[in-house]
Amino acid sequence: MDAVRAVAEPRRREILRLVWDSELSAGEIAERFDVTFGAVSQHLKVLRDSGLVTLRQDGKRRFYRADRESMGPLADYLQSMWATKLDTLAELAEAAEREEKSEGTSS
């Protein structure tokens, strides 16, 4: 499966975001989802087969990290997409806080 098709699935994008800046074990990744460990494992396999994550084994534990170099321009796109979402979330939180303060002063 090519990289673009691999990241078309929302859970895989979320997994990539989780391992973007730090290495996480498969168990740590699976804990953050409401699906079975097996389902997360399948997503990790697709990401690994597509060259989007690297795998490091330490005994029985498997650790994953985003492989940004192999992503090429896709890495910039994903980072930009996440930044935009975070900016939007920050704007919504600030607007809600302003509204809450204005409601508190009008009482």
N, C-alpha and C. Protein backbone atom coordinates (compact mmCIF):
# COMPACT_ATOMS: atom_id res chain seq x y z
N MET A 1 0.86 -1.18 0.00
CA MET A 1 0.00 0.00 0.00
C MET A 1 0.91 1.24 0.00
N ASP A 2 0.56 2.22 -0.83
CA ASP A 2 1.39 3.42 -0.87
C ASP A 2 1.09 4.32 0.33
N ALA A 3 1.99 5.26 0.58
CA ALA A 3 1.91 6.09 1.78
C ALA A 3 0.64 6.93 1.83
N VAL A 4 0.23 7.49 0.71
CA VAL A 4 -0.96 8.35 0.70
C VAL A 4 -2.20 7.54 1.07
N ARG A 5 -2.33 6.35 0.50
CA ARG A 5 -3.48 5.51 0.85
C ARG A 5 -3.41 5.08 2.31
N ALA A 6 -2.21 4.87 2.82
CA ALA A 6 -2.06 4.45 4.22
C ALA A 6 -2.54 5.53 5.17
N VAL A 7 -2.23 6.80 4.88
CA VAL A 7 -2.63 7.88 5.80
C VAL A 7 -4.04 8.37 5.54
N ALA A 8 -4.72 7.80 4.56
CA ALA A 8 -6.11 8.18 4.30
C ALA A 8 -7.02 7.71 5.45
N GLU A 9 -6.58 6.71 6.19
CA GLU A 9 -7.37 6.17 7.29
C GLU A 9 -7.09 7.00 8.55
N PRO A 10 -8.13 7.56 9.18
CA PRO A 10 -7.94 8.46 10.33
C PRO A 10 -7.14 7.87 11.50
N ARG A 11 -7.33 6.61 11.83
CA ARG A 11 -6.58 6.03 12.95
C ARG A 11 -5.09 5.97 12.63
N ARG A 12 -4.76 5.69 11.39
CA ARG A 12 -3.35 5.65 11.02
C ARG A 12 -2.72 7.04 11.11
N ARG A 13 -3.48 8.06 10.71
CA ARG A 13 -2.97 9.43 10.86
C ARG A 13 -2.75 9.75 12.33
N GLU A 14 -3.67 9.32 13.18
CA GLU A 14 -3.53 9.58 14.62
C GLU A 14 -2.33 8.83 15.19
N ILE A 15 -2.11 7.60 14.74
CA ILE A 15 -0.92 6.85 15.17
C ILE A 15 0.34 7.60 14.76
N LEU A 16 0.38 8.07 13.53
CA LEU A 16 1.54 8.83 13.07
C LEU A 16 1.77 10.06 13.93
N ARG A 17 0.69 10.76 14.27
CA ARG A 17 0.82 11.95 15.11
C ARG A 17 1.41 11.58 16.47
N LEU A 18 0.98 10.45 17.01
CA LEU A 18 1.47 10.01 18.32
C LEU A 18 2.97 9.71 18.30
N VAL A 19 3.44 9.14 17.20
CA VAL A 19 4.86 8.73 17.13
C VAL A 19 5.71 9.72 16.32
N TRP A 20 5.16 10.91 16.08
CA TRP A 20 5.85 11.91 15.26
C TRP A 20 7.15 12.38 15.92
N ASP A 21 7.08 12.69 17.20
CA ASP A 21 8.24 13.25 17.89
C ASP A 21 8.87 12.31 18.90
N SER A 22 8.22 11.21 19.18
CA SER A 22 8.78 10.29 20.17
C SER A 22 8.42 8.86 19.83
N GLU A 23 9.24 7.98 20.31
CA GLU A 23 9.04 6.55 20.09
C GLU A 23 8.07 6.03 21.15
N LEU A 24 7.11 5.22 20.72
CA LEU A 24 6.15 4.61 21.64
C LEU A 24 6.07 3.12 21.37
N SER A 25 5.79 2.36 22.42
CA SER A 25 5.61 0.92 22.23
C SER A 25 4.23 0.67 21.63
N ALA A 26 4.07 -0.48 21.04
CA ALA A 26 2.78 -0.85 20.46
C ALA A 26 1.68 -0.79 21.52
N GLY A 27 2.00 -1.23 22.73
CA GLY A 27 1.01 -1.20 23.82
C GLY A 27 0.61 0.22 24.20
N GLU A 28 1.60 1.13 24.24
CA GLU A 28 1.30 2.53 24.56
C GLU A 28 0.41 3.16 23.49
N ILE A 29 0.66 2.79 22.25
CA ILE A 29 -0.17 3.31 21.15
C ILE A 29 -1.58 2.75 21.27
N ALA A 30 -1.69 1.44 21.49
CA ALA A 30 -3.00 0.78 21.56
C ALA A 30 -3.86 1.32 22.70
N GLU A 31 -3.22 1.73 23.80
CA GLU A 31 -3.97 2.25 24.96
C GLU A 31 -4.77 3.50 24.60
N ARG A 32 -4.37 4.19 23.57
CA ARG A 32 -5.01 5.47 23.22
C ARG A 32 -6.18 5.33 22.26
N PHE A 33 -6.53 4.10 21.93
CA PHE A 33 -7.61 3.86 20.98
C PHE A 33 -8.67 2.97 21.59
N ASP A 34 -9.88 3.11 21.05
CA ASP A 34 -11.00 2.32 21.55
C ASP A 34 -11.24 1.09 20.68
N VAL A 35 -10.17 0.54 20.12
CA VAL A 35 -10.25 -0.69 19.33
C VAL A 35 -9.29 -1.70 19.95
N THR A 36 -9.36 -2.92 19.47
CA THR A 36 -8.52 -3.98 20.03
C THR A 36 -7.05 -3.75 19.70
N PHE A 37 -6.19 -4.38 20.50
CA PHE A 37 -4.76 -4.33 20.23
C PHE A 37 -4.47 -4.88 18.84
N GLY A 38 -5.18 -5.94 18.45
CA GLY A 38 -5.00 -6.53 17.13
C GLY A 38 -5.28 -5.56 16.00
N ALA A 39 -6.32 -4.74 16.17
CA ALA A 39 -6.65 -3.74 15.15
C ALA A 39 -5.55 -2.70 15.04
N VAL A 40 -5.04 -2.25 16.19
CA VAL A 40 -3.94 -1.28 16.18
C VAL A 40 -2.70 -1.90 15.56
N SER A 41 -2.46 -3.15 15.87
CA SER A 41 -1.31 -3.87 15.31
C SER A 41 -1.39 -3.92 13.77
N GLN A 42 -2.60 -4.13 13.25
CA GLN A 42 -2.78 -4.14 11.79
C GLN A 42 -2.48 -2.77 11.19
N HIS A 43 -2.93 -1.71 11.87
CA HIS A 43 -2.64 -0.35 11.39
C HIS A 43 -1.13 -0.10 11.41
N LEU A 44 -0.46 -0.55 12.46
CA LEU A 44 0.99 -0.37 12.54
C LEU A 44 1.70 -1.13 11.42
N LYS A 45 1.19 -2.30 11.08
CA LYS A 45 1.79 -3.08 9.99
C LYS A 45 1.66 -2.33 8.66
N VAL A 46 0.50 -1.75 8.41
CA VAL A 46 0.29 -0.99 7.17
C VAL A 46 1.25 0.20 7.14
N LEU A 47 1.37 0.90 8.26
CA LEU A 47 2.28 2.06 8.32
C LEU A 47 3.72 1.63 8.12
N ARG A 48 4.08 0.51 8.71
CA ARG A 48 5.45 -0.01 8.55
C ARG A 48 5.71 -0.45 7.12
N ASP A 49 4.78 -1.19 6.53
CA ASP A 49 4.94 -1.67 5.16
C ASP A 49 4.98 -0.52 4.16
N SER A 50 4.35 0.61 4.51
CA SER A 50 4.34 1.78 3.63
C SER A 50 5.57 2.67 3.85
N GLY A 51 6.41 2.29 4.81
CA GLY A 51 7.62 3.06 5.08
C GLY A 51 7.39 4.32 5.88
N LEU A 52 6.25 4.40 6.56
CA LEU A 52 5.93 5.62 7.31
C LEU A 52 6.40 5.58 8.76
N VAL A 53 6.62 4.39 9.29
CA VAL A 53 7.15 4.26 10.65
C VAL A 53 8.30 3.27 10.65
N THR A 54 9.19 3.45 11.62
CA THR A 54 10.26 2.49 11.83
C THR A 54 9.92 1.65 13.04
N LEU A 55 10.45 0.47 13.08
CA LEU A 55 10.21 -0.47 14.17
C LEU A 55 11.55 -0.80 14.82
N ARG A 56 11.56 -0.75 16.15
CA ARG A 56 12.73 -1.18 16.91
C ARG A 56 12.23 -2.18 17.94
N GLN A 57 12.85 -3.34 17.95
CA GLN A 57 12.46 -4.37 18.92
C GLN A 57 13.43 -4.39 20.07
N ASP A 58 12.88 -4.51 21.28
CA ASP A 58 13.69 -4.64 22.48
C ASP A 58 13.06 -5.78 23.27
N GLY A 59 13.63 -6.96 23.13
CA GLY A 59 13.02 -8.15 23.74
C GLY A 59 11.71 -8.43 23.04
N LYS A 60 10.65 -8.52 23.83
CA LYS A 60 9.32 -8.78 23.25
C LYS A 60 8.59 -7.50 22.88
N ARG A 61 9.12 -6.35 23.30
CA ARG A 61 8.44 -5.09 23.03
C ARG A 61 8.85 -4.52 21.68
N ARG A 62 7.87 -3.91 21.03
CA ARG A 62 8.10 -3.28 19.73
C ARG A 62 7.85 -1.78 19.88
N PHE A 63 8.80 -0.99 19.41
CA PHE A 63 8.71 0.46 19.50
C PHE A 63 8.62 1.06 18.11
N TYR A 64 7.74 2.04 17.97
CA TYR A 64 7.49 2.67 16.67
C TYR A 64 7.79 4.16 16.74
N ARG A 65 8.27 4.67 15.60
CA ARG A 65 8.53 6.11 15.45
C ARG A 65 8.27 6.47 14.00
N ALA A 66 7.73 7.66 13.79
CA ALA A 66 7.49 8.13 12.42
C ALA A 66 8.83 8.24 11.69
N ASP A 67 8.85 7.83 10.45
CA ASP A 67 10.05 7.94 9.61
C ASP A 67 9.84 9.10 8.65
N ARG A 68 10.07 10.31 9.14
CA ARG A 68 9.78 11.52 8.36
C ARG A 68 10.61 11.61 7.09
N GLU A 69 11.84 11.15 7.15
CA GLU A 69 12.71 11.24 5.96
C GLU A 69 12.13 10.46 4.79
N SER A 70 11.61 9.28 5.07
CA SER A 70 11.09 8.46 3.98
C SER A 70 9.76 8.98 3.44
N MET A 71 9.11 9.88 4.19
CA MET A 71 7.82 10.42 3.75
C MET A 71 7.94 11.48 2.68
N GLY A 72 9.08 12.14 2.61
CA GLY A 72 9.24 13.21 1.64
C GLY A 72 8.25 14.33 1.89
N PRO A 73 7.59 14.85 0.83
CA PRO A 73 6.66 15.96 0.97
C PRO A 73 5.43 15.63 1.82
N LEU A 74 5.12 14.36 1.97
CA LEU A 74 3.98 13.97 2.79
C LEU A 74 4.19 14.40 4.25
N ALA A 75 5.43 14.39 4.72
CA ALA A 75 5.72 14.80 6.10
C ALA A 75 5.34 16.26 6.31
N ASP A 76 5.69 17.12 5.36
CA ASP A 76 5.34 18.54 5.47
C ASP A 76 3.83 18.73 5.46
N TYR A 77 3.15 17.98 4.62
CA TYR A 77 1.69 18.09 4.53
C TYR A 77 1.04 17.69 5.86
N LEU A 78 1.46 16.55 6.41
CA LEU A 78 0.87 16.08 7.67
C LEU A 78 1.14 17.07 8.81
N GLN A 79 2.37 17.57 8.88
CA GLN A 79 2.70 18.51 9.94
C GLN A 79 1.87 19.78 9.81
N SER A 80 1.69 20.24 8.58
CA SER A 80 0.88 21.44 8.32
C SER A 80 -0.58 21.19 8.71
N MET A 81 -1.10 20.02 8.38
CA MET A 81 -2.48 19.68 8.70
C MET A 81 -2.69 19.67 10.21
N TRP A 82 -1.77 19.06 10.96
CA TRP A 82 -1.90 19.01 12.41
C TRP A 82 -1.78 20.40 13.01
N ALA A 83 -0.89 21.22 12.49
CA ALA A 83 -0.71 22.58 13.01
C ALA A 83 -1.99 23.39 12.80
N THR A 84 -2.61 23.24 11.63
CA THR A 84 -3.86 23.95 11.33
C THR A 84 -4.95 23.53 12.31
N LYS A 85 -5.06 22.23 12.57
CA LYS A 85 -6.07 21.75 13.51
C LYS A 85 -5.82 22.28 14.91
N LEU A 86 -4.55 22.34 15.32
CA LEU A 86 -4.23 22.86 16.64
C LEU A 86 -4.54 24.35 16.73
N ASP A 87 -4.24 25.09 15.65
CA ASP A 87 -4.56 26.52 15.63
C ASP A 87 -6.06 26.74 15.75
N THR A 88 -6.84 25.95 15.03
CA THR A 88 -8.30 26.06 15.08
C THR A 88 -8.81 25.74 16.48
N LEU A 89 -8.27 24.69 17.09
CA LEU A 89 -8.67 24.31 18.44
C LEU A 89 -8.33 25.42 19.43
N ALA A 90 -7.16 26.02 19.29
CA ALA A 90 -6.77 27.12 20.18
C ALA A 90 -7.70 28.31 20.01
N GLU A 91 -8.07 28.63 18.76
CA GLU A 91 -8.99 29.74 18.51
C GLU A 91 -10.36 29.48 19.14
N LEU A 92 -10.86 28.26 19.01
CA LEU A 92 -12.15 27.90 19.61
C LEU A 92 -12.10 27.99 21.13
N ALA A 93 -11.00 27.54 21.72
CA ALA A 93 -10.87 27.60 23.17
C ALA A 93 -10.81 29.04 23.65
N GLU A 94 -10.07 29.89 22.93
CA GLU A 94 -9.99 31.30 23.29
C GLU A 94 -11.34 31.99 23.16
N ALA A 95 -12.08 31.66 22.11
CA ALA A 95 -13.41 32.25 21.92
C ALA A 95 -14.35 31.82 23.04
N ALA A 96 -14.29 30.56 23.42
CA ALA A 96 -15.14 30.06 24.50
C ALA A 96 -14.78 30.74 25.82
N GLU A 97 -13.49 30.95 26.03
CA GLU A 97 -13.05 31.62 27.26
C GLU A 97 -13.52 33.08 27.29
N ARG A 98 -13.42 33.77 26.16
CA ARG A 98 -13.90 35.15 26.08
C ARG A 98 -15.40 35.22 26.35
N GLU A 99 -16.14 34.28 25.76
CA GLU A 99 -17.60 34.24 25.94
C GLU A 99 -17.95 33.98 27.41
N GLU A 100 -17.22 33.07 28.02
CA GLU A 100 -17.45 32.75 29.43
C GLU A 100 -17.18 33.97 30.31
N LYS A 101 -16.10 34.70 30.01
CA LYS A 101 -15.77 35.90 30.79
C LYS A 101 -16.82 36.99 30.60
N SER A 102 -17.29 37.14 29.35
CA SER A 102 -18.29 38.18 29.10
C SER A 102 -19.63 37.84 29.76
N GLU A 103 -19.97 36.57 29.83
CA GLU A 103 -21.20 36.16 30.52
C GLU A 103 -21.07 36.39 32.02
N GLY A 104 -19.86 36.21 32.54
CA GLY A 104 -19.63 36.42 33.96
C GLY A 104 -19.70 37.87 34.36
N THR A 105 -19.34 38.78 33.46
CA THR A 105 -19.38 40.22 33.78
C THR A 105 -20.75 40.84 33.54
N SER A 106 -21.57 40.19 32.74
CA SER A 106 -22.90 40.75 32.46
C SER A 106 -23.93 40.36 33.50
N SER A 107 -23.58 39.53 34.44
CA SER A 107 -24.53 39.10 35.49
C SER A 107 -24.69 40.12 36.56
